[in-house]
Protein backbone atom coordinates (compact mmCIF):
# COMPACT_ATOMS: atom_id res chain seq x y z
CA MET A 1 84.28 58.65 106.15
CA ALA A 2 81.23 56.45 105.98
CA ILE A 3 77.89 57.86 107.01
CA PHE A 4 75.75 55.20 108.69
CA ARG A 5 71.99 55.02 108.80
CA ALA A 6 70.13 53.73 111.87
CA HIS A 7 69.63 50.20 110.54
CA GLU A 8 73.34 49.98 109.68
CA VAL A 9 74.34 51.16 113.16
CA ARG A 10 72.16 48.47 114.78
CA GLN A 11 74.02 45.76 112.85
CA LEU A 12 77.45 46.76 114.20
CA SER A 13 79.01 45.12 117.26
CA ASP A 14 79.91 47.08 120.38
CA VAL A 15 83.59 47.15 119.41
CA GLU A 16 82.81 48.32 115.88
CA LEU A 17 80.55 51.07 117.26
CA ALA A 18 83.34 52.35 119.49
CA GLU A 19 85.84 52.32 116.60
CA GLN A 20 83.50 54.14 114.23
CA LEU A 21 82.62 56.68 116.91
CA SER A 22 86.27 57.59 117.47
CA LYS A 23 86.90 57.84 113.71
CA LEU A 24 83.88 60.07 113.21
CA GLN A 25 84.80 62.30 116.14
CA LEU A 26 88.26 62.76 114.64
CA ASP A 27 86.72 63.53 111.24
CA LEU A 28 84.41 66.10 112.84
CA MET A 29 87.28 67.74 114.68
CA GLN A 30 89.30 68.00 111.47
CA GLY A 31 86.34 69.44 109.57
CA ARG A 32 85.63 72.03 112.23
CA GLY A 33 89.33 72.90 112.42
CA LYS A 34 89.43 73.56 108.70
CA VAL A 35 86.40 75.85 108.90
CA SER A 36 87.71 77.73 111.94
CA ALA A 37 91.05 78.28 110.18
CA GLY A 38 89.16 80.16 107.49
CA GLY A 39 89.05 77.47 104.86
CA ALA A 40 85.94 76.45 103.00
CA PRO A 41 84.85 72.85 103.47
CA GLU A 42 84.77 70.71 100.34
CA ASN A 43 81.28 69.50 101.22
CA PRO A 44 79.41 71.87 103.57
CA GLY A 45 76.82 69.24 104.52
CA HIS A 46 79.44 66.73 105.59
CA ILE A 47 79.88 68.20 109.09
CA ARG A 48 76.14 67.99 109.69
CA GLU A 49 75.98 64.38 108.51
CA VAL A 50 78.95 63.41 110.68
CA ARG A 51 77.27 64.98 113.72
CA ARG A 52 74.07 63.07 113.01
CA THR A 53 75.94 59.79 112.57
CA ILE A 54 77.76 60.36 115.88
CA ALA A 55 74.37 60.92 117.52
CA ARG A 56 73.00 57.70 115.98
CA ILE A 57 75.95 55.71 117.30
CA MET A 58 75.75 57.23 120.78
CA THR A 59 72.00 56.60 120.89
CA GLU A 60 72.52 52.95 120.00
CA GLN A 61 75.27 52.59 122.62
CA ASN A 62 73.00 54.09 125.29
CA ALA A 63 70.10 51.84 124.26
CA ARG A 64 72.31 48.76 124.50
CA ARG A 65 73.59 49.86 127.89
CA ALA A 66 70.03 50.42 129.14
CA GLY A 67 68.92 47.06 127.76
CA LYS A 68 71.63 45.19 129.65
CA GLN A 69 70.67 46.84 132.93
CA ALA A 70 66.95 46.14 132.65
């Protein structure tokens, strides 16, 4: 799954943000499921990066929502 930086997130459309958010949330759920089942993740830092990317996307969505209201 792609990890986006802030400038990459700003370039995505609203629809693309929603799609990427759902994909990343699914990826996070699968990664956490693997760890909770007792397995070792292939890349331990991947879960952290996915969480941060989800936060970047949600922050951008909230900023766009606030900008439309103001």
